[in-house]
Structures are given as structure tokens and as C-alpha cells.
Amino acid sequence: MLQPKVLPQLIQQANTNGVKTTLILSTEGSLLASTGDKTNDKIIAALVSSTWNTYVKAGMSNDDNKLEGLLLDTEIGKMAVESITNHVLLCLCGTDNSTRGLLRAKASELSSHLREPFEQLNIDEIY
């Protein structure tokens, strides 16, 4: 069961070794939770959801070939994006010096940890 009071504490644990912000957002761009540097969190949510949806609409994701994650280099910094459910994304934002491998590993581990609690919420039925 997902406990809303524990969620920020859980995702805050990813904010080490060059990760400055962790976000959970919908594929529509709604920010569900964030920790760390919140200066650009709404901009990041919009950028990430737009990029994710562009890949999905371009046919990069289907039943046989599901889009699971993205690595982005932006002016804000490096980002790793992973799917938690079909309509919920996890984004880890690092500094320019962050390594892509570490960002990807942290995002993959955290998203797999969050998958079952979010699936129990049936968020995908809303969309």
C-alpha cells in the first residue's frame, strides 16, 4: 500500500551522488510528488511528459516494444526517466557531472520499487 506521507521520504533517498531532484509525474505533465531542488520542477514535468508522449505517438512504444525509459541531456542537467505505470513516470534530474549509468540505475531501481504500490491505486483507469 502506498502511504502518501512516506512517498517524499522514499524518493528523497535517490537525491545523492549528483541527483538533485526526483519527480513523480503523470504522462499528462501533472506533478504528483517531488523532492530536492524544486526550482524547475514544473518545467521539468512539462518537458519530460511532452518528450515521453512524442516518443509514444511516434510509434516508439507499442504492446511488443514498450517504452520503458529515456535518458535526456538538457540545459537544466541530465535526466533519467522511467515508467512506473502506463500513465505515471519517475524522473531523476542530475547535474551536468552526473553519470548516465548511475542516473539510469537509480531510476530503474526506484521505479520498480514503486510499480506495485502505484498499480494498486489503479491510476491507469483514470486516464
Protein backbone atom coordinates (compact mmCIF):
# COMPACT_ATOMS: atom_id res chain seq x y z
CA MET A 1 0.00 0.00 0.00
CA LEU A 2 1.28 3.43 -0.95
CA GLN A 3 1.48 5.80 2.00
CA PRO A 4 1.43 9.46 0.89
CA LYS A 5 3.42 10.67 3.91
CA VAL A 6 6.21 8.18 3.23
CA LEU A 7 6.47 8.82 -0.53
CA PRO A 8 8.57 12.02 -0.31
CA GLN A 9 10.93 10.34 2.15
CA LEU A 10 11.28 7.35 -0.14
CA ILE A 11 12.04 9.31 -3.30
CA GLN A 12 14.34 11.71 -1.39
CA GLN A 13 16.73 8.78 -0.91
CA ALA A 14 17.60 8.95 -4.62
CA ASN A 15 18.92 12.51 -4.22
CA THR A 16 22.57 11.58 -3.68
CA ASN A 17 25.69 11.29 -5.84
CA GLY A 18 24.78 14.06 -8.27
CA VAL A 19 20.99 13.60 -8.29
CA LYS A 20 19.50 16.93 -7.29
CA THR A 21 15.76 16.41 -7.95
CA THR A 22 13.41 13.43 -8.06
CA LEU A 23 9.93 13.81 -9.56
CA ILE A 24 6.88 11.60 -9.95
CA LEU A 25 4.57 12.90 -12.65
CA SER A 26 1.72 11.84 -14.88
CA THR A 27 2.23 11.43 -18.62
CA GLU A 28 -0.06 14.47 -18.94
CA GLY A 29 2.53 16.61 -17.10
CA SER A 30 0.87 16.82 -13.68
CA LEU A 31 3.41 16.81 -10.88
CA LEU A 32 2.45 14.17 -8.30
CA ALA A 33 5.48 14.39 -5.97
CA SER A 34 8.91 15.98 -5.93
CA THR A 35 11.93 16.25 -3.68
CA GLY A 36 15.18 18.15 -3.86
CA ASP A 37 15.68 21.33 -5.86
CA LYS A 38 12.14 22.42 -6.78
CA THR A 39 13.21 25.47 -8.79
CA ASN A 40 12.30 23.99 -12.17
CA ASP A 41 10.07 21.06 -11.20
CA LYS A 42 7.02 22.22 -13.20
CA ILE A 43 9.17 22.96 -16.26
CA ILE A 44 10.85 19.57 -15.96
CA ALA A 45 7.46 17.82 -15.63
CA ALA A 46 6.20 19.54 -18.78
CA LEU A 47 9.40 18.80 -20.71
CA VAL A 48 9.53 15.15 -19.65
CA SER A 49 5.85 14.42 -20.31
CA SER A 50 5.99 16.14 -23.70
CA THR A 51 9.12 14.21 -24.71
CA TRP A 52 7.67 10.92 -23.45
CA ASN A 53 4.40 11.44 -25.33
CA THR A 54 6.26 12.38 -28.51
CA TYR A 55 8.09 9.04 -28.45
CA VAL A 56 4.86 7.15 -27.74
CA LYS A 57 2.94 8.92 -30.52
CA ALA A 58 5.79 8.35 -32.97
CA GLY A 59 5.28 4.63 -32.53
CA MET A 60 8.29 4.04 -30.32
CA SER A 61 6.05 2.27 -27.84
CA ASN A 62 3.54 -0.46 -28.53
CA ASP A 63 2.50 -3.75 -26.97
CA ASP A 64 5.54 -5.56 -28.37
CA ASN A 65 8.04 -2.77 -27.81
CA LYS A 66 7.08 -0.80 -24.69
CA LEU A 67 8.97 2.40 -23.95
CA GLU A 68 10.48 1.89 -20.50
CA GLY A 69 12.85 4.79 -20.12
CA LEU A 70 14.64 7.79 -21.57
CA LEU A 71 17.96 9.50 -20.91
CA LEU A 72 17.95 13.22 -21.63
CA ASP A 73 20.67 15.88 -21.71
CA THR A 74 19.18 19.33 -21.19
CA GLU A 75 20.31 22.81 -20.19
CA ILE A 76 18.96 22.03 -16.72
CA GLY A 77 21.10 18.89 -16.45
CA LYS A 78 20.97 15.20 -17.21
CA MET A 79 17.73 13.29 -16.65
CA ALA A 80 16.70 9.66 -16.42
CA VAL A 81 13.01 8.92 -16.95
CA GLU A 82 11.39 5.57 -16.19
CA SER A 83 7.82 4.36 -16.45
CA ILE A 84 6.18 3.39 -13.14
CA THR A 85 2.81 2.57 -14.75
CA ASN A 86 1.37 3.37 -18.18
CA HIS A 87 0.48 6.90 -17.02
CA VAL A 88 2.97 7.62 -14.21
CA LEU A 89 6.63 8.49 -14.75
CA LEU A 90 9.64 8.84 -12.48
CA CYS A 91 12.30 11.42 -13.36
CA LEU A 92 15.70 11.80 -11.72
CA CYS A 93 17.48 15.06 -12.52
CA GLY A 94 21.21 15.21 -12.10
CA THR A 95 23.94 17.75 -12.53
CA ASP A 96 25.97 18.04 -15.72
CA ASN A 97 28.62 15.89 -13.99
CA SER A 98 26.20 13.06 -13.16
CA THR A 99 26.85 9.81 -14.98
CA ARG A 100 24.07 8.45 -17.17
CA GLY A 101 24.63 4.94 -15.87
CA LEU A 102 24.10 5.95 -12.24
CA LEU A 103 21.01 8.00 -13.10
CA ARG A 104 19.56 5.12 -15.10
CA ALA A 105 20.32 2.54 -12.39
CA LYS A 106 18.74 4.64 -9.65
CA ALA A 107 15.68 5.42 -11.76
CA SER A 108 15.23 1.78 -12.73
CA GLU A 109 15.52 0.54 -9.16
CA LEU A 110 13.21 3.17 -7.70
CA SER A 111 10.57 2.78 -10.42
CA SER A 112 10.47 -0.98 -9.95
CA HIS A 113 10.08 -0.44 -6.19
CA LEU A 114 7.17 1.97 -6.76
CA ARG A 115 5.43 -0.03 -9.50
CA GLU A 116 3.31 -2.34 -7.32
CA PRO A 117 2.01 0.37 -4.93
CA PHE A 118 1.07 2.63 -7.87
CA GLU A 119 -0.61 -0.24 -9.73
CA GLN A 120 -2.77 -0.85 -6.64
CA LEU A 121 -4.06 2.73 -6.97
CA ASN A 122 -5.46 1.96 -10.44
CA ILE A 123 -4.29 5.33 -11.75
CA ASP A 124 -4.32 3.98 -15.30
CA GLU A 125 -8.12 3.66 -15.09
CA ILE A 126 -8.38 7.45 -14.65
CA TYR A 127 -6.66 8.03 -17.98
